[in-house]
Amino acid sequence: MTRQILKLTAAAVLWLGSTGLVAASECPAALDFQKRLLAGEEVIHLCEFMQDKVVLVVNTASKCAYTPQYDGLEQLYEKYRERGLVVAGFPSNDFANQDPGSEKEIRDFCRLTYSVKFPLFEKVHVRGQDRDEFYQHLVAVTGDEPRWNFHKYLIDRKGRVVASFPSQVTPGDGQLIDAIEELL
């Protein structure tokens, strides 16, 4: 009976692999989170969506001096997505109430004002007691807590958090671009 269970388990793993789904044991800790798409109901396992990709995670805001970085983030996404870059935006209202709108308002603002096509996820807290579990992991690994909107974390193709960039590092900054290109 034990051999049958093992065979069944092995068959299930093979099936998961053939469907593109990832077994939990294969998922890197940095991507082992369920997140809902912004203003939607669809929940995505980040592993399934981002595994084997280079991921730039950004906490965003719609009413911030750094908000024009949406343009640069979209340009990065357009330029490098075919090579495996995913830009993942997480709106947050943690800094000076600079993203107070509903998720639908945020989504519409990003699409209409900046033509954002990169994935935007549910509005989260990126600091404090209520910090989202994904951001808890990013902060724990890097030791860098977002100090403002548009803080960036870079995750390599193996799901390792490899860099953190403060808000002042724009999407067009050579330091960020070099780090992305090295990982691609």
C-alpha atoms as a PDB file:
ATOM      1  CA  MET A   1       0.000   0.000   0.000  1.00  0.00           C
ATOM      2  CA  THR A   2       2.829   2.412   0.795  1.00  0.00           C
ATOM      3  CA  ARG A   3       4.305   1.885  -2.680  1.00  0.00           C
ATOM      4  CA  GLN A   4       0.931   2.681  -4.244  1.00  0.00           C
ATOM      5  CA  ILE A   5       0.780   5.962  -2.338  1.00  0.00           C
ATOM      6  CA  LEU A   6       4.307   6.812  -3.418  1.00  0.00           C
ATOM      7  CA  LYS A   7       3.485   5.988  -7.041  1.00  0.00           C
ATOM      8  CA  LEU A   8       0.351   8.095  -6.830  1.00  0.00           C
ATOM      9  CA  THR A   9       2.298  10.967  -5.291  1.00  0.00           C
ATOM     10  CA  ALA A  10       4.989  10.731  -7.977  1.00  0.00           C
ATOM     11  CA  ALA A  11       2.291  10.649 -10.663  1.00  0.00           C
ATOM     12  CA  ALA A  12       0.646  13.714  -9.132  1.00  0.00           C
ATOM     13  CA  VAL A  13       3.960  15.593  -9.134  1.00  0.00           C
ATOM     14  CA  LEU A  14       4.555  14.658 -12.776  1.00  0.00           C
ATOM     15  CA  TRP A  15       1.047  15.815 -13.649  1.00  0.00           C
ATOM     16  CA  LEU A  16       1.545  19.104 -11.804  1.00  0.00           C
ATOM     17  CA  GLY A  17       4.814  19.638 -13.625  1.00  0.00           C
ATOM     18  CA  SER A  18       3.233  18.952 -17.010  1.00  0.00           C
ATOM     19  CA  THR A  19       0.443  21.456 -16.330  1.00  0.00           C
ATOM     20  CA  GLY A  20       2.837  24.212 -15.330  1.00  0.00           C
ATOM     21  CA  LEU A  21       1.651  24.094 -11.733  1.00  0.00           C
ATOM     22  CA  VAL A  22       4.320  23.987  -9.080  1.00  0.00           C
ATOM     23  CA  ALA A  23       4.444  21.572  -6.185  1.00  0.00           C
ATOM     24  CA  ALA A  24       4.651  23.426  -2.874  1.00  0.00           C
ATOM     25  CA  SER A  25       8.023  21.856  -2.039  1.00  0.00           C
ATOM     26  CA  GLU A  26       9.513  23.321  -5.242  1.00  0.00           C
ATOM     27  CA  CYS A  27       8.290  26.839  -4.629  1.00  0.00           C
ATOM     28  CA  PRO A  28      10.917  29.297  -3.353  1.00  0.00           C
ATOM     29  CA  ALA A  29       9.920  30.970  -0.094  1.00  0.00           C
ATOM     30  CA  ALA A  30       9.934  34.442  -1.681  1.00  0.00           C
ATOM     31  CA  LEU A  31       7.188  33.416  -4.117  1.00  0.00           C
ATOM     32  CA  ASP A  32       5.109  31.088  -1.947  1.00  0.00           C
ATOM     33  CA  PHE A  33       2.254  33.550  -1.440  1.00  0.00           C
ATOM     34  CA  GLN A  34      -1.296  33.866  -2.706  1.00  0.00           C
ATOM     35  CA  LYS A  35      -2.163  37.357  -3.977  1.00  0.00           C
ATOM     36  CA  ARG A  36      -5.311  38.747  -5.507  1.00  0.00           C
ATOM     37  CA  LEU A  37      -5.133  40.823  -8.674  1.00  0.00           C
ATOM     38  CA  LEU A  38      -6.024  44.476  -8.101  1.00  0.00           C
ATOM     39  CA  ALA A  39      -9.773  45.165  -8.096  1.00  0.00           C
ATOM     40  CA  GLY A  40     -10.489  41.590  -9.051  1.00  0.00           C
ATOM     41  CA  GLU A  41     -11.408  38.302  -7.510  1.00  0.00           C
ATOM     42  CA  GLU A  42      -8.723  36.131  -9.096  1.00  0.00           C
ATOM     43  CA  VAL A  43      -6.149  34.927  -6.585  1.00  0.00           C
ATOM     44  CA  ILE A  44      -2.779  33.925  -7.976  1.00  0.00           C
ATOM     45  CA  HIS A  45      -0.076  31.794  -6.419  1.00  0.00           C
ATOM     46  CA  LEU A  46       2.989  33.930  -7.093  1.00  0.00           C
ATOM     47  CA  CYS A  47       5.032  30.789  -7.740  1.00  0.00           C
ATOM     48  CA  GLU A  48       2.869  29.752 -10.653  1.00  0.00           C
ATOM     49  CA  PHE A  49       2.888  33.272 -12.062  1.00  0.00           C
ATOM     50  CA  MET A  50       6.513  34.274 -11.454  1.00  0.00           C
ATOM     51  CA  GLN A  51       8.625  31.121 -11.221  1.00  0.00           C
ATOM     52  CA  ASP A  52      11.683  31.214 -13.492  1.00  0.00           C
ATOM     53  CA  LYS A  53      11.181  34.963 -13.993  1.00  0.00           C
ATOM     54  CA  VAL A  54      13.117  37.967 -12.760  1.00  0.00           C
ATOM     55  CA  VAL A  55      10.677  39.923 -10.595  1.00  0.00           C
ATOM     56  CA  LEU A  56      10.758  43.593  -9.663  1.00  0.00           C
ATOM     57  CA  VAL A  57       8.369  44.141  -6.725  1.00  0.00           C
ATOM     58  CA  VAL A  58       7.300  47.748  -6.117  1.00  0.00           C
ATOM     59  CA  ASN A  59       5.012  49.320  -3.528  1.00  0.00           C
ATOM     60  CA  THR A  60       3.127  51.977  -5.448  1.00  0.00           C
ATOM     61  CA  ALA A  61       0.969  55.022  -4.737  1.00  0.00           C
ATOM     62  CA  SER A  62      -1.173  57.245  -6.949  1.00  0.00           C
ATOM     63  CA  LYS A  63      -0.636  60.619  -5.261  1.00  0.00           C
ATOM     64  CA  CYS A  64       3.079  60.739  -4.573  1.00  0.00           C
ATOM     65  CA  ALA A  65       5.991  62.721  -5.945  1.00  0.00           C
ATOM     66  CA  TYR A  66       7.321  59.351  -7.171  1.00  0.00           C
ATOM     67  CA  THR A  67       4.073  58.406  -8.961  1.00  0.00           C
ATOM     68  CA  PRO A  68       5.570  59.287 -12.386  1.00  0.00           C
ATOM     69  CA  GLN A  69       7.774  56.202 -11.886  1.00  0.00           C
ATOM     70  CA  TYR A  70       4.779  54.252 -13.222  1.00  0.00           C
ATOM     71  CA  ASP A  71       5.947  55.368 -16.688  1.00  0.00           C
ATOM     72  CA  GLY A  72       9.438  54.002 -16.173  1.00  0.00           C
ATOM     73  CA  LEU A  73       8.163  50.773 -14.624  1.00  0.00           C
ATOM     74  CA  GLU A  74       5.912  50.183 -17.621  1.00  0.00           C
ATOM     75  CA  GLN A  75       8.848  50.901 -19.966  1.00  0.00           C
ATOM     76  CA  LEU A  76      11.000  48.352 -18.102  1.00  0.00           C
ATOM     77  CA  TYR A  77       8.193  45.806 -18.318  1.00  0.00           C
ATOM     78  CA  GLU A  78       7.688  46.393 -22.043  1.00  0.00           C
ATOM     79  CA  LYS A  79      11.413  46.274 -22.808  1.00  0.00           C
ATOM     80  CA  TYR A  80      12.287  43.161 -20.794  1.00  0.00           C
ATOM     81  CA  ARG A  81       9.145  41.068 -20.348  1.00  0.00           C
ATOM     82  CA  GLU A  82       9.924  38.880 -23.379  1.00  0.00           C
ATOM     83  CA  ARG A  83      13.266  38.092 -21.719  1.00  0.00           C
ATOM     84  CA  GLY A  84      11.541  37.118 -18.469  1.00  0.00           C
ATOM     85  CA  LEU A  85      10.995  40.270 -16.372  1.00  0.00           C
ATOM     86  CA  VAL A  86       7.808  40.703 -14.366  1.00  0.00           C
ATOM     87  CA  VAL A  87       7.120  44.041 -12.700  1.00  0.00           C
ATOM     88  CA  ALA A  88       4.685  43.489  -9.830  1.00  0.00           C
ATOM     89  CA  GLY A  89       3.001  46.518  -8.298  1.00  0.00           C
ATOM     90  CA  PHE A  90       1.460  46.494  -4.827  1.00  0.00           C
ATOM     91  CA  PRO A  91      -0.460  49.690  -4.039  1.00  0.00           C
ATOM     92  CA  SER A  92      -0.108  50.855  -0.469  1.00  0.00           C
ATOM     93  CA  ASN A  93      -1.554  53.724   1.508  1.00  0.00           C
ATOM     94  CA  ASP A  94       1.067  53.500   4.262  1.00  0.00           C
ATOM     95  CA  PHE A  95       2.886  56.730   3.491  1.00  0.00           C
ATOM     96  CA  ALA A  96       1.108  60.061   4.038  1.00  0.00           C
ATOM     97  CA  ASN A  97      -2.241  58.709   2.786  1.00  0.00           C
ATOM     98  CA  GLN A  98      -0.980  58.834  -0.823  1.00  0.00           C
ATOM     99  CA  ASP A  99      -3.107  55.982  -2.182  1.00  0.00           C
ATOM    100  CA  PRO A 100      -6.459  56.394  -0.416  1.00  0.00           C
ATOM    101  CA  GLY A 101      -8.652  55.280  -3.310  1.00  0.00           C
ATOM    102  CA  SER A 102     -10.425  51.995  -3.804  1.00  0.00           C
ATOM    103  CA  GLU A 103      -8.672  49.255  -5.729  1.00  0.00           C
ATOM    104  CA  LYS A 104     -10.861  49.990  -8.756  1.00  0.00           C
ATOM    105  CA  GLU A 105      -9.939  53.699  -8.599  1.00  0.00           C
ATOM    106  CA  ILE A 106      -6.248  52.813  -8.351  1.00  0.00           C
ATOM    107  CA  ARG A 107      -6.460  50.346 -11.249  1.00  0.00           C
ATOM    108  CA  ASP A 108      -8.311  52.835 -13.450  1.00  0.00           C
ATOM    109  CA  PHE A 109      -5.876  55.638 -12.561  1.00  0.00           C
ATOM    110  CA  CYS A 110      -2.875  53.469 -13.455  1.00  0.00           C
ATOM    111  CA  ARG A 111      -4.379  52.314 -16.750  1.00  0.00           C
ATOM    112  CA  LEU A 112      -5.729  55.674 -17.868  1.00  0.00           C
ATOM    113  CA  THR A 113      -2.940  57.960 -16.656  1.00  0.00           C
ATOM    114  CA  TYR A 114       0.137  55.781 -17.179  1.00  0.00           C
ATOM    115  CA  SER A 115      -1.114  52.974 -19.479  1.00  0.00           C
ATOM    116  CA  VAL A 116       0.073  50.423 -16.936  1.00  0.00           C
ATOM    117  CA  LYS A 117      -0.066  46.855 -18.229  1.00  0.00           C
ATOM    118  CA  PHE A 118       2.271  45.216 -15.741  1.00  0.00           C
ATOM    119  CA  PRO A 119       0.462  43.217 -13.060  1.00  0.00           C
ATOM    120  CA  LEU A 120      -0.954  45.136 -10.130  1.00  0.00           C
ATOM    121  CA  PHE A 121      -1.964  43.220  -7.046  1.00  0.00           C
ATOM    122  CA  GLU A 122      -4.185  43.869  -4.058  1.00  0.00           C
ATOM    123  CA  LYS A 123      -3.625  46.939  -1.917  1.00  0.00           C
ATOM    124  CA  VAL A 124      -1.387  45.989   1.011  1.00  0.00           C
ATOM    125  CA  HIS A 125       0.410  47.345   4.039  1.00  0.00           C
ATOM    126  CA  VAL A 126       4.177  47.338   3.563  1.00  0.00           C
ATOM    127  CA  ARG A 127       5.144  48.459   7.049  1.00  0.00           C
ATOM    128  CA  GLY A 128       3.983  48.307  10.614  1.00  0.00           C
ATOM    129  CA  GLN A 129       2.061  45.654  12.540  1.00  0.00           C
ATOM    130  CA  ASP A 130      -0.269  44.942   9.635  1.00  0.00           C
ATOM    131  CA  ARG A 131       2.536  44.431   7.110  1.00  0.00           C
ATOM    132  CA  ASP A 132       1.525  41.979   4.398  1.00  0.00           C
ATOM    133  CA  GLU A 133       3.167  38.547   4.750  1.00  0.00           C
ATOM    134  CA  PHE A 134       4.860  38.875   1.341  1.00  0.00           C
ATOM    135  CA  TYR A 135       6.440  42.150   2.462  1.00  0.00           C
ATOM    136  CA  GLN A 136       7.328  40.602   5.831  1.00  0.00           C
ATOM    137  CA  HIS A 137       9.412  38.091   3.903  1.00  0.00           C
ATOM    138  CA  LEU A 138      11.028  40.722   1.646  1.00  0.00           C
ATOM    139  CA  VAL A 139      11.997  42.853   4.655  1.00  0.00           C
ATOM    140  CA  ALA A 140      13.265  39.859   6.649  1.00  0.00           C
ATOM    141  CA  VAL A 141      15.517  38.698   3.811  1.00  0.00           C
ATOM    142  CA  THR A 142      16.940  42.103   2.855  1.00  0.00           C
ATOM    143  CA  GLY A 143      16.798  43.973   6.155  1.00  0.00           C
ATOM    144  CA  ASP A 144      15.381  46.886   4.118  1.00  0.00           C
ATOM    145  CA  GLU A 145      11.943  48.174   5.019  1.00  0.00           C
ATOM    146  CA  PRO A 146      10.250  50.486   2.525  1.00  0.00           C
ATOM    147  CA  ARG A 147      10.725  54.023   3.795  1.00  0.00           C
ATOM    148  CA  TRP A 148       8.387  55.464   1.181  1.00  0.00           C
ATOM    149  CA  ASN A 149       6.380  54.611  -1.905  1.00  0.00           C
ATOM    150  CA  PHE A 150       8.125  53.012  -4.910  1.00  0.00           C
ATOM    151  CA  HIS A 151      10.659  50.998  -2.924  1.00  0.00           C
ATOM    152  CA  LYS A 152      11.847  48.124  -5.111  1.00  0.00           C
ATOM    153  CA  TYR A 153      12.897  44.528  -4.438  1.00  0.00           C
ATOM    154  CA  LEU A 154      14.521  42.374  -7.093  1.00  0.00           C
ATOM    155  CA  ILE A 155      13.992  38.604  -7.143  1.00  0.00           C
ATOM    156  CA  ASP A 156      16.087  36.342  -9.391  1.00  0.00           C
ATOM    157  CA  ARG A 157      14.887  33.416 -11.530  1.00  0.00           C
ATOM    158  CA  LYS A 158      15.471  30.989  -8.660  1.00  0.00           C
ATOM    159  CA  GLY A 159      13.156  32.952  -6.390  1.00  0.00           C
ATOM    160  CA  ARG A 160      15.886  34.554  -4.287  1.00  0.00           C
ATOM    161  CA  VAL A 161      15.531  38.165  -3.170  1.00  0.00           C
ATOM    162  CA  VAL A 162      18.830  39.596  -4.402  1.00  0.00           C
ATOM    163  CA  ALA A 163      18.541  43.382  -4.109  1.00  0.00           C
ATOM    164  CA  SER A 164      16.581  46.249  -2.635  1.00  0.00           C
ATOM    165  CA  PHE A 165      16.390  49.781  -4.027  1.00  0.00           C
ATOM    166  CA  PRO A 166      15.019  52.865  -2.272  1.00  0.00           C
ATOM    167  CA  SER A 167      12.367  55.073  -3.845  1.00  0.00           C
ATOM    168  CA  GLN A 168      14.927  57.507  -5.209  1.00  0.00           C
ATOM    169  CA  VAL A 169      16.311  54.822  -7.541  1.00  0.00           C
ATOM    170  CA  THR A 170      14.143  55.359 -10.590  1.00  0.00           C
ATOM    171  CA  PRO A 171      13.236  52.628 -13.088  1.00  0.00           C
ATOM    172  CA  GLY A 172      15.692  54.196 -15.559  1.00  0.00           C
ATOM    173  CA  ASP A 173      18.595  54.251 -13.103  1.00  0.00           C
ATOM    174  CA  GLY A 174      21.650  52.436 -14.477  1.00  0.00           C
ATOM    175  CA  GLN A 175      22.173  50.601 -11.189  1.00  0.00           C
ATOM    176  CA  LEU A 176      18.697  49.031 -11.377  1.00  0.00           C
ATOM    177  CA  ILE A 177      18.887  48.317 -15.111  1.00  0.00           C
ATOM    178  CA  ASP A 178      22.326  46.688 -14.729  1.00  0.00           C
ATOM    179  CA  ALA A 179      21.006  44.467 -11.931  1.00  0.00           C
ATOM    180  CA  ILE A 180      17.992  43.418 -14.026  1.00  0.00           C
ATOM    181  CA  GLU A 181      20.061  42.764 -17.158  1.00  0.00           C
ATOM    182  CA  GLU A 182      22.553  40.678 -15.186  1.00  0.00           C
ATOM    183  CA  LEU A 183      19.716  38.444 -13.973  1.00  0.00           C
ATOM    184  CA  LEU A 184      18.053  38.113 -17.363  1.00  0.00           C
END
